[in-house]
Amino acid sequence: MCLWRPVIHQRNGSANLFTMKHNISIIIFLLLVISAQIKCVAQQVNEIKLKDYRPKSIYKIPISNIPKAKYPVIDMHSHAYANTEAELAQWVKTMDAVGVEKTIVMTQFTGAKFDSVYARYAQYGNRFEVWCGFDYTGYPKPGWIDHAVKELERCFKVGAKGVGELGDKGMGELNSYPVPGYGLHFDDPQMKPLFEKCAALKLPVNIHVADPYWMYLPMDSTNDGLMNAYTWRIDLTKKGILNHGQLIKTLENVVRDNPKTTIIACHLANCEYDLEMLGSMLQKFPNLYADFAARFGETAPIPRYMNAFFEKYQDRLLYGTDMGVDPSMYATTFRILESNDEHFYETELFGYHWALHGFGLKDSVLKKIYSGNAKKIIAR
């Protein structure tokens, strides 16, 4: 189809030339306008920042809404999110609505602060278990371990049902209150009396080592978890810091050296990028379990692999959240575990920019990871 046809007047050559020049000028003007619009759009796209990228799936495929778990749930990894009586009462209502029959509250506290949190949650009886931390007061002076063991015993008498979430991201165990254990890694011989006392008191210990592997990779365009990774990036230039592999080794050592202590490697031991590392430990050590709290976003991009992993280690994996108390958060975890949904996003919840997929776990596996395995640990 012709968009322009010159107007020709046979009797006036100068008029014809003027008309043609006029039409050409109009066409050039229109082309310049179109070109400018194209450049403007291109510039806008090039100026979009990754942190502002919020993709929406266009696929017309099944979408599952799972506000309540298919089977009763024990949340083995949460924290003292409720700071008032009203917030705590609302949390219990949410637990009822989403199907969580019990929540493990890991305070990391000792002393009066632990006692205060315990008293608040104890009002709801079996709906919560409250776990304590370790007290490193006096470290590294001689005799600190005796005080630490005594404080552990005292917390147990108050009502502590476990210990955690202890944490070492390379500089030692820094999660406990009121005094962190700088330089004390979990396989340090000085820590052994504490783990032995946990065994004697039948207190399971939740241990966090390292962080997801993206946090150790270069913070550049090759890092597919860049935005979340940048927020939690690990600075390996710190003097004395252990790297990812070294931290996983400390976990393996402490599990091996304390066979009577039940140890839970939280966040899948931060081995999402190579779960065979965790699988190998689960095969070797019957006292080791793993929760997958706060690692739904990291594993949902690989649903078939995760389905096989859950199938293989179904007797050792524990449901946990570690992401607050909002009903939509619980629903997202259920959707990932129970459904076969494909290509959906939860950027605000997880901080990544990749699509997620459901694992489609079968009922027998769901029953174990939702509560069956947890009951083996907390039935003391």
Protein backbone atom coordinates (compact mmCIF):
# COMPACT_ATOMS: atom_id res chain seq x y z
CA MET A 1 0.00 0.00 0.00
CA CYS A 2 1.40 3.40 -0.97
CA LEU A 3 1.46 5.87 1.90
CA TRP A 4 2.27 8.91 -0.25
CA ARG A 5 1.68 9.86 -3.81
CA PRO A 6 3.03 13.14 -5.22
CA VAL A 7 0.50 15.59 -6.57
CA ILE A 8 1.43 16.52 -10.18
CA HIS A 9 -0.01 19.50 -12.01
CA GLN A 10 0.79 19.36 -15.71
CA ARG A 11 0.34 23.07 -16.39
CA ASN A 12 2.54 24.51 -13.67
CA GLY A 13 6.05 23.00 -13.26
CA SER A 14 7.09 25.30 -10.41
CA ALA A 15 3.93 24.46 -8.47
CA ASN A 16 4.61 20.77 -8.97
CA LEU A 17 8.12 21.12 -7.58
CA PHE A 18 6.87 23.09 -4.59
CA THR A 19 4.23 20.47 -3.81
CA MET A 20 6.73 17.61 -3.99
CA LYS A 21 9.18 19.42 -1.68
CA HIS A 22 6.32 20.13 0.73
CA ASN A 23 5.27 16.47 0.81
CA ILE A 24 8.85 15.31 1.30
CA SER A 25 9.26 17.72 4.21
CA ILE A 26 6.16 16.29 5.87
CA ILE A 27 7.46 12.73 5.46
CA ILE A 28 10.86 13.66 6.90
CA PHE A 29 9.16 15.34 9.84
CA LEU A 30 7.00 12.29 10.52
CA LEU A 31 10.02 9.99 10.32
CA LEU A 32 11.89 12.16 12.79
CA VAL A 33 8.93 12.06 15.20
CA ILE A 34 8.67 8.28 14.95
CA SER A 35 12.44 7.91 15.39
CA ALA A 36 12.37 10.11 18.47
CA GLN A 37 9.53 8.06 19.96
CA ILE A 38 11.44 4.81 19.36
CA LYS A 39 14.56 6.25 20.95
CA CYS A 40 12.53 7.48 23.92
CA VAL A 41 11.07 4.02 24.53
CA ALA A 42 14.50 2.42 24.20
CA GLN A 43 15.99 4.89 26.63
CA GLN A 44 13.23 4.22 29.16
CA VAL A 45 13.83 0.47 28.97
CA ASN A 46 17.57 0.93 29.36
CA GLU A 47 16.99 3.08 32.43
CA ILE A 48 14.90 0.49 34.32
CA LYS A 49 16.81 -0.58 37.41
CA LEU A 50 16.99 -4.22 38.39
CA LYS A 51 15.73 -3.39 41.88
CA ASP A 52 12.55 -2.00 40.30
CA TYR A 53 11.96 -4.94 37.97
CA ARG A 54 8.62 -6.55 38.79
CA PRO A 55 7.73 -9.10 36.10
CA LYS A 56 4.21 -10.50 35.86
CA SER A 57 3.51 -13.85 34.30
CA ILE A 58 1.35 -13.75 31.16
CA TYR A 59 0.77 -17.50 30.99
CA LYS A 60 -2.84 -18.65 31.20
CA ILE A 61 -2.11 -21.68 33.35
CA PRO A 62 -3.54 -23.09 36.60
CA ILE A 63 -3.07 -20.95 39.70
CA SER A 64 -3.48 -22.62 43.09
CA ASN A 65 -4.75 -20.80 46.14
CA ILE A 66 -3.82 -22.81 49.24
CA PRO A 67 -4.58 -20.71 52.32
CA LYS A 68 -4.46 -23.75 54.62
CA ALA A 69 -2.01 -26.65 54.60
CA LYS A 70 -3.33 -30.00 53.47
CA TYR A 71 -2.19 -31.61 56.73
CA PRO A 72 -1.47 -30.27 60.25
CA VAL A 73 1.78 -28.34 60.45
CA ILE A 74 4.49 -27.84 63.04
CA ASP A 75 6.56 -24.80 62.12
CA MET A 76 10.05 -25.76 63.26
CA HIS A 77 11.67 -22.41 62.53
CA SER A 78 10.20 -19.15 63.67
CA HIS A 79 11.12 -16.32 66.02
CA ALA A 80 9.54 -14.06 68.64
CA TYR A 81 7.72 -11.89 66.12
CA ALA A 82 4.85 -10.98 68.47
CA ASN A 83 5.90 -8.20 70.83
CA THR A 84 2.52 -7.50 72.42
CA GLU A 85 -0.35 -9.56 73.75
CA ALA A 86 -2.55 -8.41 70.88
CA GLU A 87 0.04 -9.41 68.26
CA LEU A 88 0.45 -12.81 69.89
CA ALA A 89 -3.31 -13.40 70.01
CA GLN A 90 -3.56 -12.51 66.31
CA TRP A 91 -0.70 -14.86 65.48
CA VAL A 92 -2.53 -17.74 67.15
CA LYS A 93 -5.65 -16.92 65.12
CA THR A 94 -3.54 -16.97 61.97
CA MET A 95 -2.03 -20.31 62.96
CA ASP A 96 -5.54 -21.72 63.39
CA ALA A 97 -6.58 -20.39 59.99
CA VAL A 98 -3.58 -21.75 58.06
CA GLY A 99 -3.33 -25.11 59.84
CA VAL A 100 -0.24 -24.62 62.04
CA GLU A 101 -0.79 -26.50 65.28
CA LYS A 102 2.55 -25.57 66.89
CA THR A 103 5.33 -23.04 66.29
CA ILE A 104 8.92 -23.28 67.50
CA VAL A 105 10.04 -19.84 68.66
CA MET A 106 13.81 -19.57 68.57
CA THR A 107 14.73 -16.62 70.75
CA GLN A 108 18.55 -16.95 70.79
CA PHE A 109 18.25 -15.38 74.27
CA THR A 110 19.49 -16.35 77.72
CA GLY A 111 19.03 -14.70 81.10
CA ALA A 112 16.16 -12.38 81.96
CA LYS A 113 15.39 -11.67 78.30
CA PHE A 114 14.74 -15.35 77.65
CA ASP A 115 12.58 -15.58 80.77
CA SER A 116 10.46 -12.64 79.62
CA VAL A 117 9.82 -14.05 76.14
CA TYR A 118 9.12 -17.50 77.54
CA ALA A 119 6.52 -16.11 79.97
CA ARG A 120 4.67 -14.35 77.14
CA TYR A 121 4.42 -17.40 74.86
CA ALA A 122 3.83 -19.92 77.65
CA GLN A 123 0.32 -18.49 78.06
CA TYR A 124 -0.71 -20.48 75.00
CA GLY A 125 0.50 -23.83 76.29
CA ASN A 126 1.43 -26.32 73.58
CA ARG A 127 0.87 -23.90 70.71
CA PHE A 128 4.47 -22.71 71.10
CA GLU A 129 7.85 -24.05 72.13
CA VAL A 130 10.43 -21.48 73.20
CA TRP A 131 14.12 -22.18 72.61
CA CYS A 132 17.09 -20.39 74.15
CA GLY A 133 20.62 -19.48 73.05
CA PHE A 134 24.05 -20.00 74.59
CA ASP A 135 25.60 -17.54 77.04
CA TYR A 136 29.26 -16.74 76.29
CA THR A 137 29.72 -14.35 79.20
CA GLY A 138 33.37 -14.38 80.26
CA TYR A 139 34.74 -15.81 77.02
CA PRO A 140 37.65 -16.22 76.37
CA LYS A 141 38.72 -16.19 80.00
CA PRO A 142 39.01 -19.58 81.78
CA GLY A 143 35.82 -20.84 83.35
CA TRP A 144 33.40 -19.27 80.87
CA ILE A 145 32.16 -22.68 79.74
CA ASP A 146 31.08 -23.60 83.28
CA HIS A 147 28.91 -20.49 83.43
CA ALA A 148 27.51 -21.24 79.96
CA VAL A 149 26.53 -24.79 80.92
CA LYS A 150 24.87 -23.58 84.14
CA GLU A 151 22.88 -20.96 82.26
CA LEU A 152 21.77 -23.59 79.76
CA GLU A 153 20.55 -25.74 82.63
CA ARG A 154 18.74 -22.76 84.14
CA CYS A 155 16.97 -21.95 80.84
CA PHE A 156 15.95 -25.60 80.60
CA LYS A 157 14.38 -25.44 84.07
CA VAL A 158 12.51 -22.27 83.10
CA GLY A 159 11.04 -24.07 80.11
CA ALA A 160 13.42 -24.02 77.14
CA LYS A 161 12.72 -26.97 74.82
CA GLY A 162 15.69 -26.50 72.50
CA VAL A 163 18.57 -24.23 71.53
CA GLY A 164 18.75 -21.93 68.56
CA GLU A 165 18.92 -20.48 66.11
CA LEU A 166 22.68 -20.45 66.64
CA GLY A 167 24.55 -18.86 63.76
CA ASP A 168 28.02 -18.70 62.26
CA LYS A 169 28.54 -16.83 58.99
CA GLY A 170 32.29 -17.02 59.27
CA MET A 171 33.32 -15.05 62.34
CA GLY A 172 32.02 -17.41 65.01
CA GLU A 173 28.70 -17.95 66.77
CA LEU A 174 27.17 -14.47 66.87
CA ASN A 175 23.44 -15.14 67.25
CA SER A 176 23.26 -15.68 71.01
CA TYR A 177 22.35 -12.99 73.54
CA PRO A 178 23.68 -11.20 75.56
CA VAL A 179 27.27 -12.00 74.55
CA PRO A 180 28.26 -13.27 71.07
CA GLY A 181 30.92 -15.94 70.64
CA TYR A 182 33.36 -14.20 68.32
CA GLY A 183 35.87 -16.73 67.04
CA LEU A 184 33.99 -19.75 68.40
CA HIS A 185 32.98 -22.06 65.58
CA PHE A 186 30.68 -24.99 66.25
CA ASP A 187 33.42 -27.60 66.05
CA ASP A 188 35.65 -25.74 68.51
CA PRO A 189 36.55 -28.16 71.36
CA GLN A 190 35.51 -25.47 73.85
CA MET A 191 31.92 -25.82 72.63
CA LYS A 192 31.67 -29.55 73.21
CA PRO A 193 30.44 -29.38 76.86
CA LEU A 194 27.46 -27.34 75.68
CA PHE A 195 26.52 -29.84 72.99
CA GLU A 196 26.96 -32.72 75.45
CA LYS A 197 24.67 -30.97 77.93
CA CYS A 198 22.08 -30.51 75.18
CA ALA A 199 22.20 -34.26 74.60
CA ALA A 200 21.79 -34.96 78.31
CA LEU A 201 18.80 -32.59 78.55
CA LYS A 202 17.37 -33.82 75.23
CA LEU A 203 17.50 -30.32 73.79
CA PRO A 204 17.74 -30.24 69.97
CA VAL A 205 20.04 -27.57 68.56
CA ASN A 206 19.24 -25.50 65.48
CA ILE A 207 22.40 -24.39 63.67
CA HIS A 208 22.82 -21.82 60.90
CA VAL A 209 26.10 -22.01 59.00
CA ALA A 210 27.13 -19.85 56.04
CA ASP A 211 24.57 -18.23 53.73
CA PRO A 212 23.28 -19.05 50.23
CA TYR A 213 26.08 -19.39 47.71
CA TRP A 214 24.96 -16.37 45.68
CA MET A 215 26.15 -14.20 48.59
CA TYR A 216 29.72 -15.40 47.97
CA LEU A 217 29.76 -14.90 44.19
CA PRO A 218 30.85 -11.73 42.37
CA MET A 219 28.22 -9.00 42.64
CA ASP A 220 27.93 -8.52 38.88
CA SER A 221 25.72 -9.37 35.90
CA THR A 222 26.57 -13.07 36.13
CA ASN A 223 24.95 -13.47 39.59
CA ASP A 224 21.40 -14.65 38.96
CA GLY A 225 20.38 -13.93 42.56
CA LEU A 226 22.00 -10.51 42.48
CA MET A 227 19.54 -8.25 44.28
CA ASN A 228 19.02 -10.52 47.29
CA ALA A 229 22.66 -11.60 47.18
CA TYR A 230 23.88 -8.03 47.29
CA THR A 231 21.82 -7.28 50.38
CA TRP A 232 23.27 -10.27 52.24
CA ARG A 233 26.70 -10.40 50.59
CA ILE A 234 29.57 -11.91 52.55
CA ASP A 235 32.80 -9.97 52.91
CA LEU A 236 35.52 -12.60 52.70
CA THR A 237 38.22 -9.98 53.17
CA LYS A 238 37.57 -9.89 56.92
CA LYS A 239 40.48 -11.25 58.88
CA GLY A 240 39.86 -14.79 60.12
CA ILE A 241 36.55 -15.30 58.33
CA LEU A 242 35.69 -18.81 57.12
CA ASN A 243 34.39 -19.33 53.60
CA HIS A 244 31.32 -21.32 52.60
CA GLY A 245 33.02 -24.70 52.32
CA GLN A 246 34.87 -24.28 55.60
CA LEU A 247 31.65 -23.45 57.43
CA ILE A 248 29.87 -26.50 56.03
CA LYS A 249 32.80 -28.55 57.31
CA THR A 250 32.33 -27.16 60.85
CA LEU A 251 28.72 -28.34 60.70
CA GLU A 252 29.77 -31.80 59.59
CA ASN A 253 32.37 -31.95 62.36
CA VAL A 254 30.02 -30.97 65.19
CA VAL A 255 27.35 -33.44 64.03
CA ARG A 256 29.93 -36.21 63.79
CA ASP A 257 31.53 -35.43 67.16
CA ASN A 258 28.21 -35.24 69.05
CA PRO A 259 26.24 -38.28 67.93
CA LYS A 260 23.84 -38.12 70.90
CA THR A 261 22.85 -34.52 70.19
CA THR A 262 20.01 -33.89 67.75
CA ILE A 263 21.17 -31.15 65.42
CA ILE A 264 19.00 -29.34 62.88
CA ALA A 265 20.81 -27.70 59.99
CA CYS A 266 18.51 -24.80 59.25
CA HIS A 267 17.98 -23.34 55.78
CA LEU A 268 19.05 -26.66 54.21
CA ALA A 269 22.53 -25.90 55.57
CA ASN A 270 22.66 -23.19 52.89
CA CYS A 271 23.59 -25.85 50.36
CA GLU A 272 20.80 -25.04 47.87
CA TYR A 273 23.23 -24.82 44.98
CA ASP A 274 24.55 -28.34 45.68
CA LEU A 275 22.16 -30.25 47.91
CA GLU A 276 24.21 -33.40 47.59
CA MET A 277 26.50 -31.87 50.22
CA LEU A 278 23.61 -31.87 52.68
CA GLY A 279 22.36 -35.23 51.41
CA SER A 280 25.73 -36.81 52.08
CA MET A 281 25.63 -35.64 55.70
CA LEU A 282 22.06 -36.82 56.17
CA GLN A 283 23.08 -40.26 54.96
CA LYS A 284 26.07 -40.45 57.31
CA PHE A 285 24.62 -38.97 60.50
CA PRO A 286 21.30 -40.16 61.95
CA ASN A 287 21.31 -37.32 64.49
CA LEU A 288 21.11 -34.68 61.74
CA TYR A 289 17.92 -33.10 60.41
CA ALA A 290 17.44 -30.06 58.17
CA ASP A 291 14.74 -27.42 57.99
CA PHE A 292 14.05 -25.55 54.77
CA ALA A 293 12.83 -22.32 56.38
CA ALA A 294 13.34 -19.16 54.34
CA ARG A 295 14.75 -21.16 51.41
CA PHE A 296 11.58 -21.53 49.37
CA GLY A 297 12.64 -18.75 47.02
CA GLU A 298 16.06 -20.29 46.49
CA THR A 299 14.74 -23.76 45.65
CA ALA A 300 11.46 -23.11 43.80
CA PRO A 301 13.26 -22.49 40.48
CA ILE A 302 14.30 -26.20 40.44
CA PRO A 303 11.04 -28.06 41.24
CA ARG A 304 11.80 -31.48 39.76
CA TYR A 305 15.12 -31.71 41.54
CA MET A 306 13.50 -30.60 44.81
CA ASN A 307 10.73 -33.14 44.45
CA ALA A 308 13.34 -35.89 44.13
CA PHE A 309 15.33 -34.50 47.07
CA PHE A 310 12.29 -34.42 49.33
CA GLU A 311 11.38 -37.93 48.25
CA LYS A 312 14.85 -39.24 49.05
CA TYR A 313 15.23 -37.51 52.43
CA GLN A 314 11.60 -37.35 53.46
CA ASP A 315 12.36 -38.68 56.95
CA ARG A 316 14.86 -35.94 57.81
CA LEU A 317 13.39 -32.69 56.50
CA LEU A 318 11.37 -30.22 58.55
CA TYR A 319 8.91 -27.50 57.61
CA GLY A 320 9.82 -24.01 58.80
CA THR A 321 9.05 -20.43 57.80
CA ASP A 322 11.36 -17.79 59.35
CA MET A 323 9.51 -15.14 57.35
CA GLY A 324 7.07 -13.48 59.73
CA VAL A 325 3.44 -14.32 60.46
CA ASP A 326 1.40 -13.02 57.52
CA PRO A 327 -1.24 -15.48 56.22
CA SER A 328 -0.10 -14.89 52.62
CA MET A 329 3.42 -15.98 53.57
CA TYR A 330 2.16 -19.33 54.85
CA ALA A 331 -0.02 -19.72 51.74
CA THR A 332 2.98 -19.20 49.48
CA THR A 333 4.94 -21.94 51.25
CA PHE A 334 2.01 -24.34 50.90
CA ARG A 335 1.65 -23.48 47.22
CA ILE A 336 5.30 -24.27 46.56
CA LEU A 337 5.22 -27.56 48.44
CA GLU A 338 1.80 -28.88 47.43
CA SER A 339 0.99 -27.57 43.96
CA ASN A 340 2.34 -28.13 40.47
CA ASP A 341 1.97 -24.44 39.61
CA GLU A 342 4.48 -23.03 37.16
CA HIS A 343 6.13 -19.70 36.49
CA PHE A 344 4.88 -17.41 39.23
CA TYR A 345 6.63 -14.61 41.10
CA GLU A 346 6.94 -13.62 44.76
CA THR A 347 9.57 -10.90 44.43
CA GLU A 348 8.50 -8.93 47.50
CA LEU A 349 8.58 -11.97 49.79
CA PHE A 350 11.86 -13.49 48.61
CA GLY A 351 13.82 -10.64 47.03
CA TYR A 352 14.73 -12.55 43.88
CA HIS A 353 13.65 -11.83 40.31
CA TRP A 354 13.25 -15.33 38.97
CA ALA A 355 10.11 -17.38 38.41
CA LEU A 356 9.01 -20.00 40.95
CA HIS A 357 7.41 -23.42 40.52
CA GLY A 358 5.56 -25.84 42.77
CA PHE A 359 7.20 -29.08 43.90
CA GLY A 360 4.00 -31.14 43.80
CA LEU A 361 4.98 -33.31 46.76
CA LYS A 362 2.90 -36.42 47.35
CA ASP A 363 0.77 -36.80 50.46
CA SER A 364 3.01 -39.27 52.28
CA VAL A 365 5.94 -36.84 52.01
CA LEU A 366 3.86 -33.85 53.02
CA LYS A 367 2.68 -35.55 56.20
CA LYS A 368 6.26 -36.19 57.28
CA ILE A 369 7.73 -32.78 56.53
CA TYR A 370 4.72 -30.89 57.86
CA SER A 371 4.73 -32.56 61.27
CA GLY A 372 5.70 -36.24 61.35
CA ASN A 373 9.45 -35.65 61.47
CA ALA A 374 9.08 -32.76 63.90
CA LYS A 375 7.22 -34.95 66.37
CA LYS A 376 10.18 -37.32 66.50
CA ILE A 377 12.32 -34.42 67.70
CA ILE A 378 10.00 -32.58 70.09
CA ALA A 379 8.33 -35.64 71.67
CA ARG A 380 10.52 -35.61 74.77
